[in-house]
């Protein structure tokens, strides 16, 4: 099991190509890390750049037997990583890490809340609008919210006008269902969430 993710290292540095008069990147601000998710090796390597050629270059440097052993590759929702893995290790199963799936669900919930507030109230949310005041609590995991805060939050959403409160509550429930379906053990061996419960 291999994990691939980008890391922002520093500001980019540029260099002037005197022959062409154009600026090129001397030091990229992004690096790509390769992590062993199945063993105790941790970080395998880190290469400069967040490009298809950087990822395919690193993967191609490994021998064919090593690449054949990689059955799962955990990535974020980056098309660069997807196309690089497909080009070099087409047999590997791509897995999107749980963090990014839940992050997208939270973004969708926030978008539903904003859109409905504008449609119903004719403006953006602000202090005094209960759905706006609950915006941070809505994105937290229900498992991390104490019952003394969770129950009133649900009651407050149900007390809003039905065209506003019900869709927000439905989006929140969908986000929580997705979070529970993608839950996995937090041990070192399962950080890539390849064994969802």
N, C-alpha and C. Protein backbone atom coordinates (compact mmCIF):
# COMPACT_ATOMS: atom_id res chain seq x y z
N UNK A 1 0.84 -1.18 0.00
CA UNK A 1 0.00 0.00 0.00
C UNK A 1 0.88 1.23 0.00
N UNK A 2 0.63 2.10 -0.95
CA UNK A 2 1.44 3.31 -1.13
C UNK A 2 0.56 4.53 -0.97
N UNK A 3 1.07 5.53 -0.29
CA UNK A 3 0.37 6.80 -0.16
C UNK A 3 1.14 7.89 -0.89
N UNK A 4 0.43 8.74 -1.62
CA UNK A 4 1.06 9.84 -2.35
C UNK A 4 0.32 11.12 -1.97
N UNK A 5 1.09 12.13 -1.57
CA UNK A 5 0.48 13.42 -1.22
C UNK A 5 1.50 14.52 -1.44
N UNK A 6 0.99 15.74 -1.61
CA UNK A 6 1.89 16.87 -1.81
C UNK A 6 2.13 17.61 -0.50
N UNK A 7 3.27 18.28 -0.44
CA UNK A 7 3.65 19.08 0.73
C UNK A 7 4.17 20.40 0.20
N UNK A 8 3.68 21.49 0.79
CA UNK A 8 4.20 22.79 0.41
C UNK A 8 5.46 23.05 1.21
N UNK A 9 6.56 23.27 0.54
CA UNK A 9 7.85 23.39 1.20
C UNK A 9 8.28 24.83 1.44
N UNK A 10 8.20 25.64 0.45
CA UNK A 10 8.71 27.01 0.56
C UNK A 10 8.19 27.82 -0.60
N UNK A 11 8.62 29.07 -0.65
CA UNK A 11 8.26 29.88 -1.82
C UNK A 11 9.04 29.40 -3.04
N UNK A 12 8.44 29.54 -4.22
CA UNK A 12 9.19 29.13 -5.41
C UNK A 12 10.34 30.10 -5.69
N UNK A 13 11.36 29.58 -6.32
CA UNK A 13 12.48 30.43 -6.74
C UNK A 13 12.55 30.35 -8.27
N UNK A 14 12.81 31.51 -8.85
CA UNK A 14 12.81 31.60 -10.31
C UNK A 14 14.21 31.92 -10.81
N UNK A 15 14.44 31.53 -12.06
CA UNK A 15 15.75 31.75 -12.67
C UNK A 15 15.51 32.24 -14.10
N UNK A 16 16.25 33.26 -14.49
CA UNK A 16 16.11 33.82 -15.83
C UNK A 16 16.98 33.03 -16.81
N UNK A 17 16.35 32.51 -17.84
CA UNK A 17 17.08 31.84 -18.93
C UNK A 17 17.57 32.93 -19.87
N UNK A 18 18.83 33.19 -19.85
CA UNK A 18 19.37 34.32 -20.61
C UNK A 18 19.22 34.14 -22.12
N UNK A 19 19.29 32.90 -22.58
CA UNK A 19 19.19 32.66 -24.01
C UNK A 19 17.79 32.99 -24.55
N UNK A 20 16.77 32.65 -23.77
CA UNK A 20 15.40 32.86 -24.24
C UNK A 20 14.74 34.08 -23.61
N UNK A 21 15.30 34.58 -22.52
CA UNK A 21 14.72 35.72 -21.83
C UNK A 21 13.47 35.38 -21.04
N UNK A 22 13.27 34.09 -20.75
CA UNK A 22 12.10 33.67 -19.98
C UNK A 22 12.51 33.20 -18.59
N UNK A 23 11.54 33.28 -17.68
CA UNK A 23 11.77 32.83 -16.31
C UNK A 23 11.32 31.38 -16.17
N UNK A 24 12.12 30.57 -15.52
CA UNK A 24 11.76 29.19 -15.25
C UNK A 24 11.89 28.93 -13.74
N UNK A 25 11.25 27.89 -13.29
CA UNK A 25 11.28 27.55 -11.88
C UNK A 25 12.60 26.88 -11.53
N UNK A 26 13.32 27.47 -10.58
CA UNK A 26 14.56 26.86 -10.10
C UNK A 26 14.28 25.93 -8.93
N UNK A 27 13.38 26.35 -8.04
CA UNK A 27 12.97 25.54 -6.90
C UNK A 27 11.44 25.60 -6.81
N UNK A 28 10.81 24.45 -6.89
CA UNK A 28 9.36 24.38 -6.83
C UNK A 28 8.90 24.50 -5.37
N UNK A 29 7.77 25.15 -5.16
CA UNK A 29 7.28 25.28 -3.78
C UNK A 29 6.58 24.01 -3.31
N UNK A 30 6.25 23.11 -4.23
CA UNK A 30 5.58 21.86 -3.87
C UNK A 30 6.52 20.68 -3.99
N UNK A 31 6.41 19.76 -3.05
CA UNK A 31 7.11 18.48 -3.11
C UNK A 31 6.05 17.39 -3.02
N UNK A 32 6.35 16.24 -3.57
CA UNK A 32 5.45 15.09 -3.50
C UNK A 32 6.09 14.04 -2.62
N UNK A 33 5.33 13.57 -1.63
CA UNK A 33 5.84 12.54 -0.72
C UNK A 33 5.24 11.18 -1.03
N UNK A 34 6.05 10.15 -0.84
CA UNK A 34 5.63 8.77 -1.06
C UNK A 34 5.78 8.03 0.26
N UNK A 35 4.70 7.43 0.73
CA UNK A 35 4.67 6.83 2.06
C UNK A 35 4.25 5.38 1.97
N UNK A 36 4.94 4.52 2.74
CA UNK A 36 4.57 3.12 2.84
C UNK A 36 3.45 3.01 3.87
N UNK A 37 2.24 2.63 3.43
CA UNK A 37 1.10 2.54 4.33
C UNK A 37 0.92 1.15 4.92
N UNK A 38 1.64 0.17 4.41
CA UNK A 38 1.41 -1.20 4.87
C UNK A 38 2.47 -1.69 5.84
N UNK A 39 3.59 -1.06 5.89
CA UNK A 39 4.67 -1.52 6.76
C UNK A 39 5.12 -0.43 7.71
N UNK A 40 6.29 -0.59 8.25
CA UNK A 40 6.82 0.37 9.20
C UNK A 40 7.86 1.30 8.58
N UNK A 41 7.90 1.37 7.27
CA UNK A 41 8.93 2.17 6.61
C UNK A 41 8.64 3.66 6.64
N UNK A 42 7.38 4.06 6.80
CA UNK A 42 7.05 5.48 6.85
C UNK A 42 7.31 6.16 5.51
N UNK A 43 7.97 7.32 5.57
CA UNK A 43 8.26 8.09 4.36
C UNK A 43 9.30 7.36 3.52
N UNK A 44 8.94 7.03 2.30
CA UNK A 44 9.87 6.36 1.39
C UNK A 44 10.77 7.36 0.68
N UNK A 45 10.16 8.46 0.23
CA UNK A 45 10.93 9.46 -0.51
C UNK A 45 10.08 10.71 -0.68
N UNK A 46 10.76 11.77 -1.04
CA UNK A 46 10.08 13.03 -1.33
C UNK A 46 10.80 13.66 -2.52
N UNK A 47 10.02 14.03 -3.55
CA UNK A 47 10.62 14.60 -4.75
C UNK A 47 10.07 16.00 -4.96
N UNK A 48 10.87 16.81 -5.62
CA UNK A 48 10.45 18.18 -5.90
C UNK A 48 9.41 18.19 -7.01
N UNK A 49 8.39 19.00 -6.81
CA UNK A 49 7.37 19.16 -7.84
C UNK A 49 6.10 18.39 -7.52
N UNK A 50 5.02 18.87 -8.14
CA UNK A 50 3.71 18.23 -8.02
C UNK A 50 3.17 18.06 -9.43
N UNK A 51 3.89 17.29 -10.21
CA UNK A 51 3.55 17.10 -11.62
C UNK A 51 3.45 15.62 -11.93
N UNK A 52 2.85 15.30 -13.06
CA UNK A 52 2.76 13.92 -13.50
C UNK A 52 4.16 13.36 -13.71
N UNK A 53 5.05 14.15 -14.31
CA UNK A 53 6.40 13.65 -14.57
C UNK A 53 7.18 13.38 -13.28
N UNK A 54 6.95 14.18 -12.24
CA UNK A 54 7.63 13.94 -10.96
C UNK A 54 7.18 12.62 -10.35
N UNK A 55 5.88 12.35 -10.41
CA UNK A 55 5.34 11.12 -9.82
C UNK A 55 5.70 9.91 -10.67
N UNK A 56 5.50 10.01 -11.99
CA UNK A 56 5.83 8.87 -12.85
C UNK A 56 7.33 8.61 -12.85
N UNK A 57 8.13 9.67 -12.73
CA UNK A 57 9.58 9.49 -12.68
C UNK A 57 9.99 8.67 -11.46
N UNK A 58 9.42 9.02 -10.30
CA UNK A 58 9.77 8.29 -9.08
C UNK A 58 9.28 6.85 -9.15
N UNK A 59 8.05 6.65 -9.61
CA UNK A 59 7.51 5.30 -9.71
C UNK A 59 8.29 4.46 -10.72
N UNK A 60 8.70 5.07 -11.83
CA UNK A 60 9.43 4.34 -12.86
C UNK A 60 10.83 3.93 -12.40
N UNK A 61 11.38 4.66 -11.45
CA UNK A 61 12.71 4.31 -10.92
C UNK A 61 12.67 3.03 -10.08
N UNK A 62 11.52 2.66 -9.56
CA UNK A 62 11.39 1.42 -8.80
C UNK A 62 11.35 0.28 -9.80
N UNK A 63 11.86 -0.87 -9.40
CA UNK A 63 11.85 -1.99 -10.35
C UNK A 63 10.44 -2.56 -10.52
N UNK A 64 10.26 -3.31 -11.57
CA UNK A 64 8.92 -3.82 -11.93
C UNK A 64 8.34 -4.72 -10.85
N UNK A 65 9.18 -5.49 -10.16
CA UNK A 65 8.69 -6.37 -9.09
C UNK A 65 8.13 -5.54 -7.93
N UNK A 66 8.80 -4.45 -7.60
CA UNK A 66 8.31 -3.59 -6.51
C UNK A 66 6.97 -2.97 -6.90
N UNK A 67 6.87 -2.45 -8.14
CA UNK A 67 5.62 -1.83 -8.59
C UNK A 67 4.48 -2.85 -8.64
N UNK A 68 4.80 -4.10 -8.98
CA UNK A 68 3.77 -5.14 -9.05
C UNK A 68 3.20 -5.46 -7.67
N UNK A 69 4.01 -5.26 -6.61
CA UNK A 69 3.54 -5.54 -5.25
C UNK A 69 2.59 -4.46 -4.73
N UNK A 70 2.61 -3.29 -5.32
CA UNK A 70 1.74 -2.20 -4.87
C UNK A 70 0.34 -2.46 -5.40
N UNK A 71 -0.57 -2.82 -4.49
CA UNK A 71 -1.93 -3.14 -4.90
C UNK A 71 -2.90 -1.99 -4.67
N UNK A 72 -2.60 -1.11 -3.68
CA UNK A 72 -3.44 0.03 -3.38
C UNK A 72 -2.58 1.28 -3.33
N UNK A 73 -3.11 2.38 -3.87
CA UNK A 73 -2.44 3.68 -3.78
C UNK A 73 -3.46 4.68 -3.25
N UNK A 74 -3.16 5.25 -2.08
CA UNK A 74 -4.04 6.25 -1.46
C UNK A 74 -3.58 7.64 -1.89
N UNK A 75 -4.51 8.41 -2.45
CA UNK A 75 -4.21 9.76 -2.93
C UNK A 75 -5.30 10.71 -2.48
N UNK A 76 -5.03 12.01 -2.60
CA UNK A 76 -6.12 12.95 -2.45
C UNK A 76 -6.81 13.04 -3.81
N UNK A 77 -7.80 13.88 -3.96
CA UNK A 77 -8.54 13.93 -5.22
C UNK A 77 -7.81 14.77 -6.24
N UNK A 78 -6.62 14.36 -6.56
CA UNK A 78 -5.74 15.10 -7.47
C UNK A 78 -5.62 14.31 -8.78
N UNK A 79 -6.00 14.92 -9.88
CA UNK A 79 -5.92 14.23 -11.17
C UNK A 79 -4.48 13.97 -11.59
N UNK A 80 -3.55 14.78 -11.07
CA UNK A 80 -2.14 14.56 -11.39
C UNK A 80 -1.71 13.19 -10.87
N UNK A 81 -2.01 12.91 -9.60
CA UNK A 81 -1.62 11.63 -9.02
C UNK A 81 -2.35 10.48 -9.69
N UNK A 82 -3.63 10.68 -9.98
CA UNK A 82 -4.42 9.62 -10.61
C UNK A 82 -3.83 9.23 -11.96
N UNK A 83 -3.54 10.22 -12.81
CA UNK A 83 -3.03 9.89 -14.14
C UNK A 83 -1.62 9.31 -14.07
N UNK A 84 -0.82 9.75 -13.10
CA UNK A 84 0.54 9.21 -12.96
C UNK A 84 0.50 7.75 -12.54
N UNK A 85 -0.35 7.43 -11.57
CA UNK A 85 -0.45 6.03 -11.11
C UNK A 85 -1.02 5.16 -12.22
N UNK A 86 -2.02 5.66 -12.94
CA UNK A 86 -2.61 4.89 -14.04
C UNK A 86 -1.57 4.62 -15.14
N UNK A 87 -0.66 5.55 -15.37
CA UNK A 87 0.34 5.39 -16.43
C UNK A 87 1.40 4.35 -16.05
N UNK A 88 1.80 4.33 -14.77
CA UNK A 88 2.92 3.46 -14.37
C UNK A 88 2.45 2.17 -13.72
N UNK A 89 1.40 2.22 -12.93
CA UNK A 89 0.90 1.03 -12.22
C UNK A 89 -0.60 0.88 -12.44
N UNK A 90 -1.02 0.54 -13.66
CA UNK A 90 -2.45 0.48 -13.95
C UNK A 90 -3.20 -0.59 -13.17
N UNK A 91 -2.48 -1.58 -12.64
CA UNK A 91 -3.13 -2.65 -11.87
C UNK A 91 -3.51 -2.20 -10.45
N UNK A 92 -2.90 -1.14 -9.95
CA UNK A 92 -3.14 -0.69 -8.57
C UNK A 92 -4.53 -0.07 -8.43
N UNK A 93 -5.15 -0.34 -7.31
CA UNK A 93 -6.46 0.24 -7.00
C UNK A 93 -6.25 1.59 -6.34
N UNK A 94 -6.88 2.63 -6.89
CA UNK A 94 -6.77 3.96 -6.31
C UNK A 94 -7.79 4.11 -5.18
N UNK A 95 -7.34 4.68 -4.08
CA UNK A 95 -8.19 4.90 -2.92
C UNK A 95 -8.05 6.37 -2.54
N UNK A 96 -9.19 7.04 -2.37
CA UNK A 96 -9.16 8.43 -1.94
C UNK A 96 -9.15 8.44 -0.42
N UNK A 97 -8.24 9.20 0.17
CA UNK A 97 -8.17 9.17 1.62
C UNK A 97 -9.39 9.82 2.25
N UNK A 98 -9.73 9.32 3.41
CA UNK A 98 -10.94 9.69 4.13
C UNK A 98 -11.01 11.18 4.42
N UNK A 99 -9.91 11.77 4.77
CA UNK A 99 -9.87 13.20 5.11
C UNK A 99 -10.46 14.05 4.00
N UNK A 100 -10.08 13.77 2.76
CA UNK A 100 -10.55 14.59 1.64
C UNK A 100 -12.02 14.32 1.30
N UNK A 101 -12.48 13.09 1.52
CA UNK A 101 -13.89 12.79 1.28
C UNK A 101 -14.77 13.56 2.26
N UNK A 102 -14.39 13.52 3.55
CA UNK A 102 -15.16 14.24 4.57
C UNK A 102 -15.05 15.75 4.35
N UNK A 103 -13.90 16.21 3.92
CA UNK A 103 -13.72 17.64 3.64
C UNK A 103 -14.67 18.10 2.53
N UNK A 104 -14.82 17.29 1.49
CA UNK A 104 -15.76 17.63 0.42
C UNK A 104 -17.20 17.62 0.90
N UNK A 105 -17.53 16.68 1.78
CA UNK A 105 -18.88 16.64 2.34
C UNK A 105 -19.16 17.89 3.16
N UNK A 106 -18.19 18.35 3.93
CA UNK A 106 -18.35 19.59 4.70
C UNK A 106 -18.52 20.80 3.79
N UNK A 107 -17.77 20.82 2.69
CA UNK A 107 -17.91 21.93 1.74
C UNK A 107 -19.29 21.93 1.10
N UNK A 108 -19.80 20.73 0.78
CA UNK A 108 -21.14 20.64 0.19
C UNK A 108 -22.21 21.10 1.19
N UNK A 109 -22.05 20.74 2.45
CA UNK A 109 -22.98 21.18 3.49
C UNK A 109 -22.96 22.70 3.63
N UNK A 110 -21.77 23.28 3.64
CA UNK A 110 -21.65 24.75 3.74
C UNK A 110 -22.29 25.43 2.53
N UNK A 111 -22.13 24.83 1.35
CA UNK A 111 -22.72 25.40 0.15
C UNK A 111 -24.25 25.35 0.20
N UNK A 112 -24.80 24.25 0.70
CA UNK A 112 -26.26 24.14 0.86
C UNK A 112 -26.75 25.22 1.82
N UNK A 113 -26.07 25.38 2.95
CA UNK A 113 -26.47 26.39 3.94
C UNK A 113 -26.42 27.80 3.35
N UNK A 114 -25.34 28.13 2.65
CA UNK A 114 -25.21 29.47 2.05
C UNK A 114 -26.27 29.72 0.99
N UNK A 115 -26.45 28.74 0.10
CA UNK A 115 -27.41 28.90 -1.00
C UNK A 115 -28.83 29.10 -0.47
N UNK A 116 -29.22 28.29 0.50
CA UNK A 116 -30.56 28.41 1.05
C UNK A 116 -30.76 29.73 1.79
N UNK A 117 -29.74 30.18 2.50
CA UNK A 117 -29.84 31.46 3.21
C UNK A 117 -30.08 32.59 2.22
N UNK A 118 -29.35 32.59 1.12
CA UNK A 118 -29.52 33.64 0.11
C UNK A 118 -30.91 33.53 -0.53
N UNK A 119 -31.36 32.31 -0.84
CA UNK A 119 -32.67 32.14 -1.46
C UNK A 119 -33.81 32.57 -0.55
N UNK A 120 -33.72 32.21 0.72
CA UNK A 120 -34.84 32.48 1.64
C UNK A 120 -34.76 33.88 2.23
N UNK A 121 -33.58 34.30 2.63
CA UNK A 121 -33.44 35.59 3.30
C UNK A 121 -33.09 36.72 2.34
N UNK A 122 -32.67 36.36 1.12
CA UNK A 122 -32.32 37.38 0.14
C UNK A 122 -30.97 38.04 0.39
N UNK A 123 -30.16 37.45 1.23
CA UNK A 123 -28.83 38.00 1.56
C UNK A 123 -28.00 36.88 2.18
N UNK A 124 -26.74 37.20 2.41
CA UNK A 124 -25.85 36.25 3.09
C UNK A 124 -26.23 36.14 4.56
N UNK A 125 -25.82 35.03 5.18
CA UNK A 125 -26.08 34.84 6.60
C UNK A 125 -25.27 35.80 7.44
N UNK A 126 -25.78 36.11 8.62
CA UNK A 126 -25.07 36.98 9.54
C UNK A 126 -25.54 36.70 10.96
N UNK A 127 -24.93 37.38 11.91
CA UNK A 127 -25.29 37.18 13.31
C UNK A 127 -26.79 37.40 13.48
N UNK A 128 -27.40 36.49 14.24
CA UNK A 128 -28.85 36.55 14.41
C UNK A 128 -29.56 35.51 13.56
N UNK A 129 -28.90 35.01 12.51
CA UNK A 129 -29.44 33.91 11.70
C UNK A 129 -28.91 32.61 12.30
N UNK A 130 -29.80 31.79 12.82
CA UNK A 130 -29.36 30.60 13.55
C UNK A 130 -28.54 29.66 12.68
N UNK A 131 -28.89 29.51 11.41
CA UNK A 131 -28.12 28.62 10.55
C UNK A 131 -26.70 29.14 10.35
N UNK A 132 -26.51 30.45 10.36
CA UNK A 132 -25.16 31.03 10.24
C UNK A 132 -24.40 30.84 11.55
N UNK A 133 -25.08 31.00 12.68
CA UNK A 133 -24.43 30.83 13.98
C UNK A 133 -24.00 29.39 14.22
N UNK A 134 -24.67 28.44 13.58
CA UNK A 134 -24.35 27.02 13.74
C UNK A 134 -23.33 26.53 12.70
N UNK A 135 -22.82 27.41 11.84
CA UNK A 135 -21.99 26.98 10.71
C UNK A 135 -20.78 26.15 11.13
N UNK A 136 -20.09 26.52 12.22
CA UNK A 136 -18.91 25.75 12.64
C UNK A 136 -19.31 24.43 13.29
N UNK A 137 -20.37 24.43 14.03
CA UNK A 137 -20.82 23.20 14.69
C UNK A 137 -21.30 22.19 13.65
N UNK A 138 -21.90 22.66 12.56
CA UNK A 138 -22.39 21.76 11.52
C UNK A 138 -21.27 20.98 10.85
N UNK A 139 -20.08 21.54 10.78
CA UNK A 139 -18.98 20.85 10.11
C UNK A 139 -18.20 19.94 11.04
N UNK A 140 -18.47 19.99 12.33
CA UNK A 140 -17.80 19.08 13.27
C UNK A 140 -18.46 17.71 13.21
N UNK A 141 -17.70 16.70 13.58
CA UNK A 141 -18.22 15.35 13.66
C UNK A 141 -19.22 15.26 14.81
N UNK A 142 -20.34 14.60 14.58
CA UNK A 142 -21.34 14.45 15.63
C UNK A 142 -20.77 13.71 16.83
N UNK A 143 -19.81 12.82 16.58
CA UNK A 143 -19.18 12.07 17.67
C UNK A 143 -18.36 12.99 18.58
N UNK A 144 -17.97 14.15 18.08
CA UNK A 144 -17.16 15.08 18.87
C UNK A 144 -17.98 16.21 19.47
N UNK A 145 -19.28 16.16 19.27
CA UNK A 145 -20.16 17.18 19.84
C UNK A 145 -20.88 16.58 21.03
N UNK A 146 -20.82 17.24 22.15
CA UNK A 146 -21.51 16.76 23.35
C UNK A 146 -23.02 16.82 23.13
N UNK A 147 -23.74 15.90 23.75
CA UNK A 147 -25.19 15.84 23.58
C UNK A 147 -25.87 17.15 23.99
N UNK A 148 -25.26 17.87 24.95
CA UNK A 148 -25.84 19.14 25.38
C UNK A 148 -25.77 20.20 24.29
N UNK A 149 -24.93 19.97 23.26
CA UNK A 149 -24.85 20.89 22.12
C UNK A 149 -25.50 20.30 20.87
N UNK A 150 -25.43 18.98 20.75
CA UNK A 150 -25.95 18.31 19.55
C UNK A 150 -27.49 18.38 19.48
N UNK A 151 -28.14 18.01 20.57
CA UNK A 151 -29.61 18.02 20.57
C UNK A 151 -30.19 19.41 20.32
N UNK A 152 -29.67 20.47 20.99
CA UNK A 152 -30.18 21.81 20.69
C UNK A 152 -29.92 22.25 19.25
N UNK A 153 -28.79 21.80 18.67
CA UNK A 153 -28.50 22.16 17.28
C UNK A 153 -29.57 21.58 16.35
N UNK A 154 -29.91 20.31 16.55
CA UNK A 154 -30.93 19.67 15.72
C UNK A 154 -32.28 20.36 15.95
N UNK A 155 -32.60 20.66 17.22
CA UNK A 155 -33.85 21.36 17.53
C UNK A 155 -33.90 22.73 16.86
N UNK A 156 -32.77 23.46 16.88
CA UNK A 156 -32.72 24.79 16.26
C UNK A 156 -32.93 24.70 14.75
N UNK A 157 -32.35 23.70 14.11
CA UNK A 157 -32.54 23.54 12.67
C UNK A 157 -33.98 23.18 12.34
N UNK A 158 -34.60 22.36 13.18
CA UNK A 158 -35.99 21.99 12.95
C UNK A 158 -36.94 23.16 13.22
N UNK A 159 -36.51 24.10 14.06
CA UNK A 159 -37.34 25.27 14.38
C UNK A 159 -37.27 26.34 13.29
N UNK A 160 -36.27 26.27 12.41
CA UNK A 160 -36.16 27.23 11.31
C UNK A 160 -37.31 27.00 10.32
N UNK A 161 -37.59 27.96 9.45
CA UNK A 161 -38.59 27.70 8.41
C UNK A 161 -38.25 26.41 7.66
N UNK A 162 -39.27 25.62 7.34
CA UNK A 162 -39.05 24.29 6.77
C UNK A 162 -38.20 24.32 5.51
N UNK A 163 -38.36 25.35 4.67
CA UNK A 163 -37.58 25.44 3.43
C UNK A 163 -36.11 25.68 3.70
N UNK A 164 -35.77 26.11 4.90
CA UNK A 164 -34.38 26.40 5.27
C UNK A 164 -33.81 25.31 6.16
N UNK A 165 -34.50 24.98 7.22
CA UNK A 165 -33.96 24.05 8.22
C UNK A 165 -33.89 22.61 7.77
N UNK A 166 -34.94 22.13 7.08
CA UNK A 166 -34.98 20.72 6.68
C UNK A 166 -33.86 20.35 5.70
N UNK A 167 -33.63 21.15 4.64
CA UNK A 167 -32.54 20.78 3.72
C UNK A 167 -31.16 20.84 4.39
N UNK A 168 -30.96 21.80 5.29
CA UNK A 168 -29.66 21.87 5.99
C UNK A 168 -29.49 20.65 6.87
N UNK A 169 -30.54 20.28 7.58
CA UNK A 169 -30.48 19.09 8.44
C UNK A 169 -30.27 17.83 7.60
N UNK A 170 -30.91 17.75 6.44
CA UNK A 170 -30.71 16.60 5.56
C UNK A 170 -29.27 16.54 5.05
N UNK A 171 -28.70 17.69 4.69
CA UNK A 171 -27.31 17.74 4.24
C UNK A 171 -26.37 17.35 5.37
N UNK A 172 -26.67 17.80 6.58
CA UNK A 172 -25.84 17.45 7.74
C UNK A 172 -25.90 15.94 7.99
N UNK A 173 -27.11 15.36 7.92
CA UNK A 173 -27.26 13.92 8.11
C UNK A 173 -26.51 13.13 7.03
N UNK A 174 -26.56 13.60 5.79
CA UNK A 174 -25.83 12.93 4.71
C UNK A 174 -24.33 12.99 4.95
N UNK A 175 -23.85 14.15 5.41
CA UNK A 175 -22.42 14.28 5.73
C UNK A 175 -22.02 13.33 6.84
N UNK A 176 -22.86 13.22 7.87
CA UNK A 176 -22.55 12.32 8.98
C UNK A 176 -22.60 10.86 8.55
N UNK A 177 -23.57 10.50 7.69
CA UNK A 177 -23.63 9.13 7.18
C UNK A 177 -22.38 8.79 6.39
N UNK A 178 -21.95 9.72 5.55
CA UNK A 178 -20.73 9.50 4.77
C UNK A 178 -19.52 9.36 5.68
N UNK A 179 -19.44 10.21 6.70
CA UNK A 179 -18.31 10.15 7.63
C UNK A 179 -18.28 8.80 8.34
N UNK A 180 -19.44 8.30 8.74
CA UNK A 180 -19.49 7.01 9.43
C UNK A 180 -19.14 5.86 8.48
N UNK A 181 -19.57 5.95 7.24
CA UNK A 181 -19.28 4.88 6.27
C UNK A 181 -17.80 4.83 5.91
N UNK A 182 -17.12 5.95 5.98
CA UNK A 182 -15.70 5.96 5.64
C UNK A 182 -14.81 5.83 6.87
N UNK A 183 -15.42 5.63 8.03
CA UNK A 183 -14.64 5.52 9.26
C UNK A 183 -13.73 4.31 9.19
N UNK A 184 -12.55 4.45 9.74
CA UNK A 184 -11.63 3.32 9.81
C UNK A 184 -10.83 3.44 11.10
N UNK A 185 -10.17 2.38 11.44
CA UNK A 185 -9.35 2.39 12.65
C UNK A 185 -8.23 3.40 12.49
N UNK A 186 -7.79 3.96 13.58
CA UNK A 186 -6.76 4.99 13.52
C UNK A 186 -5.38 4.43 13.84
N UNK A 187 -5.18 3.17 13.55
CA UNK A 187 -3.87 2.59 13.78
C UNK A 187 -2.93 2.99 12.66
N UNK A 188 -1.65 2.82 12.87
CA UNK A 188 -0.65 3.18 11.87
C UNK A 188 -0.87 2.41 10.57
N UNK A 189 -1.28 1.15 10.67
CA UNK A 189 -1.42 0.33 9.48
C UNK A 189 -2.60 0.74 8.62
N UNK A 190 -3.60 1.44 9.16
CA UNK A 190 -4.81 1.72 8.39
C UNK A 190 -5.03 3.18 8.13
N UNK A 191 -4.00 4.00 8.17
CA UNK A 191 -4.18 5.43 7.96
C UNK A 191 -4.69 5.74 6.56
N UNK A 192 -4.45 4.86 5.59
CA UNK A 192 -4.97 5.10 4.26
C UNK A 192 -6.44 4.76 4.13
N UNK A 193 -7.05 4.26 5.19
CA UNK A 193 -8.48 3.93 5.23
C UNK A 193 -8.87 2.95 4.14
N UNK A 194 -8.05 1.91 3.98
CA UNK A 194 -8.34 0.93 2.95
C UNK A 194 -9.33 -0.12 3.43
N UNK A 195 -9.60 -0.16 4.74
CA UNK A 195 -10.52 -1.14 5.30
C UNK A 195 -11.66 -0.44 6.02
N UNK A 196 -12.57 0.23 5.29
CA UNK A 196 -13.64 0.93 5.96
C UNK A 196 -14.58 -0.03 6.66
N UNK A 197 -15.15 0.42 7.77
CA UNK A 197 -16.09 -0.43 8.50
C UNK A 197 -17.50 -0.13 8.10
